[in-house]
N, C-alpha and C. Protein backbone atom coordinates (compact mmCIF):
# COMPACT_ATOMS: atom_id res chain seq x y z
N UNK A 1 21.66 0.15 -120.74
CA UNK A 1 20.87 0.38 -119.38
C UNK A 1 19.74 -0.70 -119.18
N UNK A 2 19.85 -1.52 -118.44
CA UNK A 2 18.60 -2.65 -117.95
C UNK A 2 18.25 -1.83 -116.51
N UNK A 3 18.09 -0.70 -116.15
CA UNK A 3 16.80 -0.16 -114.93
C UNK A 3 17.37 -0.65 -114.07
N UNK A 4 18.41 -2.36 -113.90
CA UNK A 4 18.55 -2.32 -112.76
C UNK A 4 20.33 -1.90 -112.00
N UNK A 5 19.89 -1.71 -110.55
CA UNK A 5 21.27 -0.76 -110.36
C UNK A 5 22.16 -1.92 -108.53
N UNK A 6 22.83 -2.07 -108.54
CA UNK A 6 23.95 -2.85 -107.70
C UNK A 6 24.33 -2.34 -107.23
N UNK A 7 24.06 -2.94 -105.77
CA UNK A 7 25.48 -2.09 -104.08
C UNK A 7 26.27 -3.20 -103.95
N UNK A 8 27.69 -3.33 -104.61
CA UNK A 8 28.16 -4.32 -104.25
C UNK A 8 29.34 -4.27 -102.99
N UNK A 9 29.88 -5.33 -102.30
CA UNK A 9 31.09 -4.84 -101.36
C UNK A 9 31.83 -5.91 -101.23
N UNK A 10 32.94 -6.14 -100.09
CA UNK A 10 34.03 -6.83 -100.75
C UNK A 10 34.48 -6.71 -98.73
N UNK A 11 34.43 -7.80 -98.13
CA UNK A 11 34.81 -7.29 -96.63
C UNK A 11 35.38 -8.38 -96.08
N UNK A 12 36.84 -8.40 -94.81
CA UNK A 12 37.43 -9.72 -93.98
C UNK A 12 36.34 -10.17 -93.29
N UNK A 13 36.76 -11.15 -92.76
CA UNK A 13 35.95 -11.58 -91.68
C UNK A 13 36.25 -12.72 -91.06
N UNK A 14 36.99 -12.48 -89.77
CA UNK A 14 37.98 -13.60 -88.68
C UNK A 14 36.46 -14.94 -89.42
N UNK A 15 37.77 -16.00 -89.85
CA UNK A 15 37.15 -17.25 -89.61
C UNK A 15 36.68 -17.48 -88.30
N UNK A 16 36.71 -17.84 -87.46
CA UNK A 16 35.81 -17.50 -85.81
C UNK A 16 34.83 -17.65 -85.98
N UNK A 17 34.73 -16.11 -86.64
CA UNK A 17 33.12 -15.36 -86.64
C UNK A 17 32.16 -15.48 -87.76
N UNK A 18 33.32 -16.57 -88.58
CA UNK A 18 31.67 -17.11 -90.11
C UNK A 18 30.37 -16.80 -90.42
N UNK A 19 30.82 -18.30 -88.93
CA UNK A 19 28.79 -18.47 -88.33
C UNK A 19 28.38 -17.24 -87.30
N UNK A 20 28.40 -16.04 -87.14
CA UNK A 20 28.07 -15.03 -86.29
C UNK A 20 27.66 -13.98 -87.68
N UNK A 21 28.71 -13.85 -88.78
CA UNK A 21 28.68 -12.95 -90.38
C UNK A 21 27.54 -13.34 -90.61
N UNK A 22 27.15 -14.98 -90.86
CA UNK A 22 25.75 -15.86 -91.42
C UNK A 22 24.83 -14.85 -91.07
N UNK A 23 24.91 -15.53 -89.52
CA UNK A 23 23.42 -15.06 -89.52
C UNK A 23 23.42 -13.48 -89.58
N UNK A 24 23.56 -12.87 -89.32
CA UNK A 24 24.20 -11.50 -89.92
C UNK A 24 23.45 -11.83 -90.60
N UNK A 25 23.99 -11.67 -92.01
CA UNK A 25 23.71 -11.32 -93.68
C UNK A 25 22.44 -11.62 -93.35
N UNK A 26 22.16 -13.17 -92.73
CA UNK A 26 20.77 -13.43 -93.39
C UNK A 26 19.76 -12.37 -92.69
N UNK A 27 19.49 -11.65 -91.28
CA UNK A 27 19.05 -10.58 -90.28
C UNK A 27 19.28 -10.01 -91.58
N UNK A 28 20.26 -9.36 -92.01
CA UNK A 28 20.22 -8.59 -93.33
C UNK A 28 19.29 -8.40 -94.59
N UNK A 29 19.89 -9.41 -95.25
CA UNK A 29 18.81 -9.69 -96.16
C UNK A 29 17.89 -10.20 -96.32
N UNK A 30 17.38 -10.69 -95.03
CA UNK A 30 15.62 -9.95 -94.65
C UNK A 30 14.88 -8.70 -94.62
N UNK A 31 16.29 -7.77 -93.46
CA UNK A 31 15.74 -6.87 -93.72
C UNK A 31 15.83 -5.16 -95.19
N UNK A 32 16.55 -5.90 -95.72
CA UNK A 32 16.99 -5.21 -96.94
C UNK A 32 15.44 -6.05 -98.51
N UNK A 33 15.43 -7.26 -98.12
CA UNK A 33 14.25 -7.64 -98.60
C UNK A 33 12.59 -7.01 -98.04
N UNK A 34 12.55 -6.68 -97.09
CA UNK A 34 11.11 -6.44 -96.10
C UNK A 34 11.71 -4.48 -96.79
N UNK A 35 12.31 -4.25 -96.99
CA UNK A 35 12.41 -2.97 -97.62
C UNK A 35 11.66 -2.94 -99.48
N UNK A 36 12.22 -3.89 -99.85
CA UNK A 36 11.98 -3.76 -101.22
C UNK A 36 12.74 -4.36 -102.53
N UNK A 37 14.36 -4.81 -101.44
CA UNK A 37 15.60 -5.41 -102.52
C UNK A 37 14.54 -6.50 -103.02
N UNK A 38 15.38 -6.29 -104.22
CA UNK A 38 15.04 -7.42 -105.66
C UNK A 38 16.27 -8.91 -105.47
N UNK A 39 17.66 -8.39 -104.50
CA UNK A 39 17.90 -9.38 -104.81
C UNK A 39 19.03 -9.48 -103.44
N UNK A 40 19.60 -10.18 -102.34
CA UNK A 40 20.21 -10.22 -101.34
C UNK A 40 21.78 -11.15 -101.40
N UNK A 41 22.38 -10.87 -101.74
CA UNK A 41 23.52 -12.79 -102.34
C UNK A 41 24.93 -11.84 -100.88
N UNK A 42 25.13 -12.59 -100.02
CA UNK A 42 26.39 -13.27 -99.72
C UNK A 42 27.59 -14.76 -99.83
N UNK A 43 28.55 -14.46 -100.01
CA UNK A 43 29.47 -15.03 -100.98
C UNK A 43 30.15 -15.22 -99.73
N UNK A 44 31.29 -16.61 -99.86
CA UNK A 44 32.20 -16.47 -98.89
C UNK A 44 33.97 -17.28 -99.98
N UNK A 45 34.83 -16.71 -99.74
CA UNK A 45 35.57 -16.96 -100.85
C UNK A 45 36.32 -18.22 -100.12
N UNK A 46 36.36 -18.83 -101.74
CA UNK A 46 36.29 -20.07 -101.86
C UNK A 46 37.93 -20.34 -102.85
N UNK A 47 37.81 -19.88 -103.83
CA UNK A 47 39.20 -19.97 -104.69
C UNK A 47 39.46 -17.76 -104.94
N UNK A 48 40.04 -17.58 -103.66
CA UNK A 48 41.02 -15.86 -103.78
C UNK A 48 42.03 -15.98 -104.09
N UNK A 49 43.05 -16.31 -104.63
CA UNK A 49 44.62 -16.15 -104.17
C UNK A 49 44.91 -14.93 -104.51
N UNK A 50 46.43 -13.83 -103.41
CA UNK A 50 46.93 -13.03 -103.52
C UNK A 50 46.72 -12.82 -105.13
N UNK A 51 46.78 -11.89 -105.62
CA UNK A 51 47.95 -11.38 -107.02
C UNK A 51 49.09 -10.64 -107.41
N UNK A 52 49.40 -10.97 -108.43
CA UNK A 52 50.73 -10.52 -108.62
C UNK A 52 50.47 -8.07 -107.75
N UNK A 53 49.82 -8.00 -108.82
CA UNK A 53 48.72 -6.29 -108.54
C UNK A 53 48.03 -6.18 -107.58
N UNK A 54 47.32 -6.84 -107.57
CA UNK A 54 46.17 -6.95 -106.61
C UNK A 54 45.09 -7.93 -106.79
N UNK A 55 44.17 -8.38 -105.65
CA UNK A 55 43.51 -9.01 -105.53
C UNK A 55 42.23 -8.94 -104.01
N UNK A 56 41.10 -9.90 -104.79
CA UNK A 56 40.49 -9.82 -103.51
C UNK A 56 41.01 -9.76 -101.77
N UNK A 57 42.05 -10.80 -101.43
CA UNK A 57 43.08 -10.69 -100.11
C UNK A 57 43.16 -9.10 -99.48
N UNK A 58 44.67 -9.22 -101.09
CA UNK A 58 44.71 -7.66 -101.21
C UNK A 58 44.43 -6.50 -100.54
N UNK A 59 43.16 -6.33 -101.10
CA UNK A 59 42.32 -5.80 -101.72
C UNK A 59 41.79 -5.09 -99.62
N UNK A 60 41.35 -5.60 -99.02
CA UNK A 60 41.16 -6.18 -98.31
C UNK A 60 41.96 -6.05 -97.52
N UNK A 61 43.35 -6.10 -97.06
CA UNK A 61 44.23 -6.41 -96.50
C UNK A 61 44.56 -7.53 -96.04
N UNK A 62 44.26 -8.67 -95.96
CA UNK A 62 43.65 -9.86 -95.66
C UNK A 62 44.71 -10.57 -94.56
N UNK A 63 44.44 -10.75 -94.03
CA UNK A 63 45.71 -11.44 -92.41
C UNK A 63 44.96 -13.35 -92.21
N UNK A 64 46.29 -13.71 -91.67
CA UNK A 64 45.60 -14.58 -92.13
C UNK A 64 44.32 -15.77 -91.62
N UNK A 65 44.28 -14.89 -90.63
CA UNK A 65 42.76 -15.92 -89.60
C UNK A 65 41.22 -15.54 -90.54
N UNK A 66 41.69 -14.52 -91.86
CA UNK A 66 40.39 -14.26 -91.99
C UNK A 66 39.41 -14.58 -93.61
N UNK A 67 38.85 -14.55 -94.11
CA UNK A 67 38.41 -15.50 -95.02
C UNK A 67 37.58 -13.56 -95.96
N UNK A 68 37.20 -14.13 -97.21
CA UNK A 68 36.99 -12.11 -97.58
C UNK A 68 35.45 -12.77 -98.25
N UNK A 69 34.51 -12.04 -98.23
CA UNK A 69 33.17 -11.96 -98.28
C UNK A 69 32.89 -10.71 -99.42
N UNK A 70 32.48 -11.59 -100.75
CA UNK A 70 32.17 -10.54 -101.82
C UNK A 70 30.60 -10.52 -101.79
N UNK A 71 29.76 -9.67 -102.05
CA UNK A 71 28.17 -9.11 -101.57
C UNK A 71 27.60 -8.51 -102.13
N UNK A 72 26.58 -8.75 -102.85
CA UNK A 72 26.00 -7.52 -103.29
C UNK A 72 23.99 -7.69 -103.41
N UNK A 73 23.94 -6.62 -103.64
CA UNK A 73 22.71 -5.98 -103.47
C UNK A 73 21.83 -5.71 -104.91
N UNK A 74 20.75 -5.78 -105.28
CA UNK A 74 19.92 -5.70 -105.92
C UNK A 74 18.87 -4.63 -106.50
N UNK A 75 18.37 -4.08 -106.66
CA UNK A 75 17.61 -2.77 -107.36
C UNK A 75 16.70 -2.79 -107.80
N UNK A 76 15.73 -2.34 -108.02
CA UNK A 76 15.03 -2.00 -109.09
C UNK A 76 15.78 -0.74 -110.37
N UNK A 77 16.23 0.81 -108.85
CA UNK A 77 16.53 0.99 -109.73
C UNK A 77 17.39 1.66 -108.75
N UNK A 78 18.63 2.99 -109.27
CA UNK A 78 18.77 4.07 -108.40
C UNK A 78 18.27 4.31 -107.29
N UNK A 79 17.23 5.11 -107.58
CA UNK A 79 16.06 6.20 -106.95
C UNK A 79 15.57 4.81 -105.63
N UNK A 80 15.67 3.45 -106.14
CA UNK A 80 14.76 2.22 -105.15
C UNK A 80 16.22 2.41 -104.14
N UNK A 81 16.77 2.22 -104.53
CA UNK A 81 18.36 1.53 -103.86
C UNK A 81 18.34 2.92 -102.71
N UNK A 82 18.75 4.41 -103.15
CA UNK A 82 18.28 5.09 -102.26
C UNK A 82 17.03 5.34 -100.94
N UNK A 83 15.81 4.72 -101.39
CA UNK A 83 15.33 5.08 -101.12
C UNK A 83 15.53 3.56 -99.31
N UNK A 84 16.21 2.60 -100.75
CA UNK A 84 15.29 1.81 -99.60
C UNK A 84 16.99 2.16 -98.64
N UNK A 85 18.15 1.99 -98.83
CA UNK A 85 18.78 1.51 -98.32
C UNK A 85 18.23 2.93 -96.93
N UNK A 86 18.01 4.41 -97.35
CA UNK A 86 17.59 5.07 -95.97
C UNK A 86 16.54 4.46 -95.21
N UNK A 87 15.93 3.37 -95.44
CA UNK A 87 14.63 2.95 -94.97
C UNK A 87 15.47 1.21 -94.30
N UNK A 88 16.46 1.05 -94.85
CA UNK A 88 17.33 0.41 -93.86
C UNK A 88 17.62 0.96 -92.63
N UNK A 89 18.06 1.83 -92.54
CA UNK A 89 19.63 2.81 -92.03
C UNK A 89 18.14 3.21 -90.87
N UNK A 90 17.18 3.29 -91.24
CA UNK A 90 16.40 4.02 -89.36
C UNK A 90 15.24 2.63 -88.86
N UNK A 91 15.59 0.81 -89.70
CA UNK A 91 14.94 0.38 -89.43
C UNK A 91 15.56 -0.18 -87.70
N UNK A 92 14.82 -0.58 -86.63
CA UNK A 92 15.30 -0.81 -85.58
C UNK A 92 16.23 -1.86 -85.39
N UNK A 93 15.59 -3.15 -86.33
CA UNK A 93 16.51 -4.23 -86.82
C UNK A 93 17.70 -4.37 -86.59
N UNK A 94 18.15 -3.41 -87.55
CA UNK A 94 19.69 -2.47 -87.89
C UNK A 94 20.46 -1.87 -86.73
N UNK A 95 19.48 -0.76 -86.29
CA UNK A 95 20.32 0.16 -84.90
C UNK A 95 20.57 -0.35 -84.03
N UNK A 96 20.10 -1.86 -84.32
CA UNK A 96 20.34 -2.41 -83.17
C UNK A 96 22.37 -3.73 -82.96
N UNK A 97 22.23 -3.27 -84.62
CA UNK A 97 23.76 -3.77 -84.51
C UNK A 97 24.98 -2.76 -84.43
N UNK A 98 24.38 -1.52 -84.00
CA UNK A 98 25.57 -1.09 -83.48
C UNK A 98 25.38 -1.07 -81.45
N UNK A 99 25.55 -1.80 -81.21
CA UNK A 99 25.00 -2.39 -79.44
C UNK A 99 25.82 -3.64 -79.64
N UNK A 100 26.02 -3.88 -80.42
CA UNK A 100 26.13 -5.76 -80.37
C UNK A 100 28.55 -5.05 -81.10
N UNK A 101 28.76 -6.57 -80.71
CA UNK A 101 30.21 -6.35 -80.77
C UNK A 101 30.83 -6.51 -82.70
N UNK A 102 31.27 -5.94 -83.01
CA UNK A 102 31.76 -6.07 -84.40
C UNK A 102 32.00 -7.43 -85.09
N UNK A 103 31.53 -7.37 -85.80
CA UNK A 103 31.76 -9.37 -86.45
C UNK A 103 32.72 -9.23 -87.38
N UNK A 104 33.68 -7.62 -88.00
CA UNK A 104 34.09 -7.67 -88.83
C UNK A 104 34.68 -6.22 -88.89
N UNK A 105 36.07 -5.79 -89.78
CA UNK A 105 36.64 -4.80 -89.39
C UNK A 105 36.20 -3.53 -91.12
N UNK A 106 35.12 -2.57 -90.25
CA UNK A 106 34.92 -2.29 -90.88
C UNK A 106 35.50 -1.81 -92.13
N UNK A 107 36.98 -1.00 -91.38
CA UNK A 107 37.57 0.61 -92.43
C UNK A 107 38.53 -0.79 -93.15
N UNK A 108 38.69 -2.45 -93.54
CA UNK A 108 39.17 -2.67 -94.43
C UNK A 108 37.83 -2.87 -95.45
N UNK A 109 36.50 -2.71 -95.69
CA UNK A 109 35.20 -2.81 -96.55
C UNK A 109 35.55 -2.09 -97.44
N UNK A 110 35.55 -2.46 -98.83
CA UNK A 110 35.02 -1.09 -99.50
C UNK A 110 34.05 -1.74 -100.26
N UNK A 111 32.88 -1.10 -100.95
CA UNK A 111 31.96 -0.99 -101.36
C UNK A 111 32.08 0.47 -102.49
N UNK A 112 30.31 -0.42 -103.35
CA UNK A 112 30.35 1.12 -104.00
C UNK A 112 28.58 0.08 -104.97
N UNK A 113 27.83 2.14 -105.70
CA UNK A 113 26.99 1.14 -106.53
C UNK A 113 26.87 1.47 -107.95
N UNK A 114 26.51 0.38 -108.61
CA UNK A 114 26.70 0.00 -109.79
C UNK A 114 25.06 -0.08 -110.47
N UNK A 115 25.50 0.26 -111.66
CA UNK A 115 24.38 0.40 -113.53
C UNK A 115 24.25 -1.12 -113.19
N UNK A 116 23.26 -2.22 -113.89
CA UNK A 116 23.89 -3.34 -114.80
C UNK A 116 23.76 -3.13 -116.31
N UNK A 117 25.31 -3.42 -116.54
CA UNK A 117 25.36 -3.04 -118.27
C UNK A 117 24.57 -4.28 -118.64
N UNK A 118 24.79 -5.73 -117.90
CA UNK A 118 24.56 -6.92 -118.87
C UNK A 118 24.16 -7.65 -117.49
N UNK A 119 22.93 -8.72 -118.10
CA UNK A 119 22.54 -9.16 -117.63
C UNK A 119 22.25 -10.46 -118.53
N UNK A 120 22.43 -11.69 -118.81
CA UNK A 120 22.48 -13.47 -119.38
C UNK A 120 21.82 -14.00 -118.12
């Protein structure tokens, strides 16, 4: 174990709302970094085709007018991740999101926390 910890997530975003998602992600990145995250990365699908058994599009039940977002946040450790995520959830910049129109369907988002196994 290298000591770092990563939260990864995948979600569908309507292509018509991609600019709004980008703005939200930029703001989120600032918030997470302000609280101590080491890195915050958001990627939009460019080459993700449906697979025979599973794939990014299938995992989020992608609709024709949507794209897949693949993202991760890097932390120094699991303990730091827990501390930072708790602080982020109390941050007023994040609390304001609950008053906005949703940019994506959170029910089709999936995520998890991972110990770093290899970093090259």
